[in-house]
Amino acid sequence: MLRDGRLSLGHAKVLLGAAHDRQVSLANRVVALGLSVRQTENLLKRSSGLSATPLSRPDTYADCVRDLCTALSTQVRVQASKDGTGRIVIPFRDRAALENLVSRLTHKLG
């Protein structure tokens, strides 16, 4: 997941703090939900039984994030505001990756 860009180095560092047998399942959950590094830290704290602040993004976006991650083969984050507006963030590592995203988006839409 790190190699294909679905997880950032920051996410991977946080996940190293999890028990070895749980790292892959937690990584899959992070990608499916499109969590930020901070939200991943909170997830790890919650899963280990320590108190942490709840995830700020409602689970109602989880399906959309998972579908976008699958369709685009990359990490996608949804940043929602209290007023119902928001943005979709799709990071890319270089021009080739950006062109690949544009191709996938225009092919899916066209």
C-alpha atoms as a PDB file:
ATOM      1  CA  MET A   1       0.000   0.000   0.000  1.00  0.00           C
ATOM      2  CA  LEU A   2       2.921   2.305   0.700  1.00  0.00           C
ATOM      3  CA  ARG A   3       4.503   1.486  -2.650  1.00  0.00           C
ATOM      4  CA  ASP A   4       1.372   2.215  -4.661  1.00  0.00           C
ATOM      5  CA  GLY A   5       0.640   5.453  -2.801  1.00  0.00           C
ATOM      6  CA  ARG A   6      -2.482   4.390  -0.945  1.00  0.00           C
ATOM      7  CA  LEU A   7      -0.629   4.986   2.346  1.00  0.00           C
ATOM      8  CA  SER A   8       1.842   7.757   3.076  1.00  0.00           C
ATOM      9  CA  LEU A   9       5.100   7.310   4.962  1.00  0.00           C
ATOM     10  CA  GLY A  10       3.439   9.075   7.921  1.00  0.00           C
ATOM     11  CA  HIS A  11       0.636   6.509   7.954  1.00  0.00           C
ATOM     12  CA  ALA A  12       3.153   3.652   7.779  1.00  0.00           C
ATOM     13  CA  LYS A  13       5.164   5.021  10.712  1.00  0.00           C
ATOM     14  CA  VAL A  14       2.030   5.227  12.837  1.00  0.00           C
ATOM     15  CA  LEU A  15       0.960   1.701  11.880  1.00  0.00           C
ATOM     16  CA  LEU A  16       4.344   0.328  12.946  1.00  0.00           C
ATOM     17  CA  GLY A  17       3.178   1.028  16.500  1.00  0.00           C
ATOM     18  CA  ALA A  18       0.415  -1.571  16.150  1.00  0.00           C
ATOM     19  CA  ALA A  19       0.842  -5.240  16.944  1.00  0.00           C
ATOM     20  CA  HIS A  20       2.385  -6.973  13.941  1.00  0.00           C
ATOM     21  CA  ASP A  21      -0.653  -9.209  13.382  1.00  0.00           C
ATOM     22  CA  ARG A  22      -2.973  -6.171  13.233  1.00  0.00           C
ATOM     23  CA  GLN A  23      -0.941  -3.879  10.966  1.00  0.00           C
ATOM     24  CA  VAL A  24      -2.414  -5.080   7.665  1.00  0.00           C
ATOM     25  CA  SER A  25      -6.023  -4.966   8.848  1.00  0.00           C
ATOM     26  CA  LEU A  26      -5.515  -1.489  10.315  1.00  0.00           C
ATOM     27  CA  ALA A  27      -3.818  -0.327   7.100  1.00  0.00           C
ATOM     28  CA  ASN A  28      -6.767  -1.612   5.060  1.00  0.00           C
ATOM     29  CA  ARG A  29      -9.154   0.262   7.336  1.00  0.00           C
ATOM     30  CA  VAL A  30      -7.101   3.487   7.050  1.00  0.00           C
ATOM     31  CA  VAL A  31      -7.181   3.260   3.249  1.00  0.00           C
ATOM     32  CA  ALA A  32     -10.883   2.365   3.107  1.00  0.00           C
ATOM     33  CA  LEU A  33     -11.810   5.300   5.326  1.00  0.00           C
ATOM     34  CA  GLY A  34      -9.289   7.695   3.782  1.00  0.00           C
ATOM     35  CA  LEU A  35      -7.971   8.671   7.205  1.00  0.00           C
ATOM     36  CA  SER A  36      -5.361  11.353   7.777  1.00  0.00           C
ATOM     37  CA  VAL A  37      -2.199  10.539   9.724  1.00  0.00           C
ATOM     38  CA  ARG A  38      -3.697  12.169  12.837  1.00  0.00           C
ATOM     39  CA  GLN A  39      -6.883  10.141  12.478  1.00  0.00           C
ATOM     40  CA  THR A  40      -4.739   7.026  12.048  1.00  0.00           C
ATOM     41  CA  GLU A  41      -2.994   7.842  15.328  1.00  0.00           C
ATOM     42  CA  ASN A  42      -6.387   8.126  17.019  1.00  0.00           C
ATOM     43  CA  LEU A  43      -7.528   4.858  15.454  1.00  0.00           C
ATOM     44  CA  LEU A  44      -4.441   3.107  16.783  1.00  0.00           C
ATOM     45  CA  LYS A  45      -4.999   4.544  20.266  1.00  0.00           C
ATOM     46  CA  ARG A  46      -8.661   3.501  20.222  1.00  0.00           C
ATOM     47  CA  SER A  47      -7.885   0.009  18.971  1.00  0.00           C
ATOM     48  CA  SER A  48      -5.323  -0.481  21.726  1.00  0.00           C
ATOM     49  CA  GLY A  49      -7.836   0.559  24.402  1.00  0.00           C
ATOM     50  CA  LEU A  50      -6.288   3.960  25.138  1.00  0.00           C
ATOM     51  CA  SER A  51      -8.528   7.012  25.149  1.00  0.00           C
ATOM     52  CA  ALA A  52      -8.413   9.190  22.079  1.00  0.00           C
ATOM     53  CA  THR A  53     -10.575  11.760  20.359  1.00  0.00           C
ATOM     54  CA  PRO A  54     -13.161  10.285  17.994  1.00  0.00           C
ATOM     55  CA  LEU A  55     -12.617  10.395  14.246  1.00  0.00           C
ATOM     56  CA  SER A  56     -13.854  13.691  12.911  1.00  0.00           C
ATOM     57  CA  ARG A  57     -15.319  12.414   9.639  1.00  0.00           C
ATOM     58  CA  PRO A  58     -18.619  10.584   9.876  1.00  0.00           C
ATOM     59  CA  ASP A  59     -18.660   6.991   8.650  1.00  0.00           C
ATOM     60  CA  THR A  60     -21.243   8.035   6.068  1.00  0.00           C
ATOM     61  CA  TYR A  61     -18.320   8.935   3.781  1.00  0.00           C
ATOM     62  CA  ALA A  62     -16.526   5.588   4.204  1.00  0.00           C
ATOM     63  CA  ASP A  63     -18.261   3.949   1.219  1.00  0.00           C
ATOM     64  CA  CYS A  64     -17.511   6.903  -1.037  1.00  0.00           C
ATOM     65  CA  VAL A  65     -13.865   7.021   0.036  1.00  0.00           C
ATOM     66  CA  ARG A  66     -13.449   3.269  -0.440  1.00  0.00           C
ATOM     67  CA  ASP A  67     -15.039   3.430  -3.916  1.00  0.00           C
ATOM     68  CA  LEU A  68     -12.806   6.323  -4.951  1.00  0.00           C
ATOM     69  CA  CYS A  69      -9.678   4.585  -3.608  1.00  0.00           C
ATOM     70  CA  THR A  70     -10.585   1.467  -5.568  1.00  0.00           C
ATOM     71  CA  ALA A  71     -11.494   3.287  -8.782  1.00  0.00           C
ATOM     72  CA  LEU A  72      -8.397   5.490  -8.747  1.00  0.00           C
ATOM     73  CA  SER A  73      -5.983   2.972  -7.186  1.00  0.00           C
ATOM     74  CA  THR A  74      -4.679   5.606  -4.800  1.00  0.00           C
ATOM     75  CA  GLN A  75      -5.321   7.183  -1.420  1.00  0.00           C
ATOM     76  CA  VAL A  76      -8.271   9.561  -1.251  1.00  0.00           C
ATOM     77  CA  ARG A  77      -9.329  11.741   1.686  1.00  0.00           C
ATOM     78  CA  VAL A  78     -12.637  13.476   2.264  1.00  0.00           C
ATOM     79  CA  GLN A  79     -12.552  16.643   4.328  1.00  0.00           C
ATOM     80  CA  ALA A  80     -16.062  17.540   5.401  1.00  0.00           C
ATOM     81  CA  SER A  81     -17.213  20.763   7.023  1.00  0.00           C
ATOM     82  CA  LYS A  82     -19.986  21.087   9.577  1.00  0.00           C
ATOM     83  CA  ASP A  83     -22.135  22.926   7.036  1.00  0.00           C
ATOM     84  CA  GLY A  84     -22.152  19.889   4.711  1.00  0.00           C
ATOM     85  CA  THR A  85     -19.619  21.177   2.197  1.00  0.00           C
ATOM     86  CA  GLY A  86     -16.228  19.622   1.739  1.00  0.00           C
ATOM     87  CA  ARG A  87     -13.429  18.629  -0.519  1.00  0.00           C
ATOM     88  CA  ILE A  88     -11.847  15.512  -1.904  1.00  0.00           C
ATOM     89  CA  VAL A  89      -8.057  15.327  -1.623  1.00  0.00           C
ATOM     90  CA  ILE A  90      -6.151  13.025  -3.976  1.00  0.00           C
ATOM     91  CA  PRO A  91      -2.386  13.200  -3.459  1.00  0.00           C
ATOM     92  CA  PHE A  92       0.033  12.271  -6.270  1.00  0.00           C
ATOM     93  CA  ARG A  93       3.814  11.766  -6.276  1.00  0.00           C
ATOM     94  CA  ASP A  94       4.823  13.077  -9.705  1.00  0.00           C
ATOM     95  CA  ARG A  95       3.517  14.270 -13.057  1.00  0.00           C
ATOM     96  CA  ALA A  96       3.073  10.719 -14.369  1.00  0.00           C
ATOM     97  CA  ALA A  97       0.894   9.841 -11.370  1.00  0.00           C
ATOM     98  CA  LEU A  98      -1.165  13.005 -11.923  1.00  0.00           C
ATOM     99  CA  GLU A  99      -1.629  12.183 -15.600  1.00  0.00           C
ATOM    100  CA  ASN A 100      -2.714   8.671 -14.617  1.00  0.00           C
ATOM    101  CA  LEU A 101      -5.313  10.147 -12.238  1.00  0.00           C
ATOM    102  CA  VAL A 102      -6.592  12.521 -14.918  1.00  0.00           C
ATOM    103  CA  SER A 103      -6.851   9.632 -17.355  1.00  0.00           C
ATOM    104  CA  ARG A 104      -8.757   7.477 -14.870  1.00  0.00           C
ATOM    105  CA  LEU A 105     -11.117  10.327 -13.942  1.00  0.00           C
ATOM    106  CA  THR A 106     -11.859  11.360 -17.504  1.00  0.00           C
ATOM    107  CA  HIS A 107     -12.258   7.747 -18.617  1.00  0.00           C
ATOM    108  CA  LYS A 108     -14.704   7.059 -15.767  1.00  0.00           C
ATOM    109  CA  LEU A 109     -16.682  10.208 -16.537  1.00  0.00           C
ATOM    110  CA  GLY A 110     -16.549  10.065 -20.321  1.00  0.00           C
END
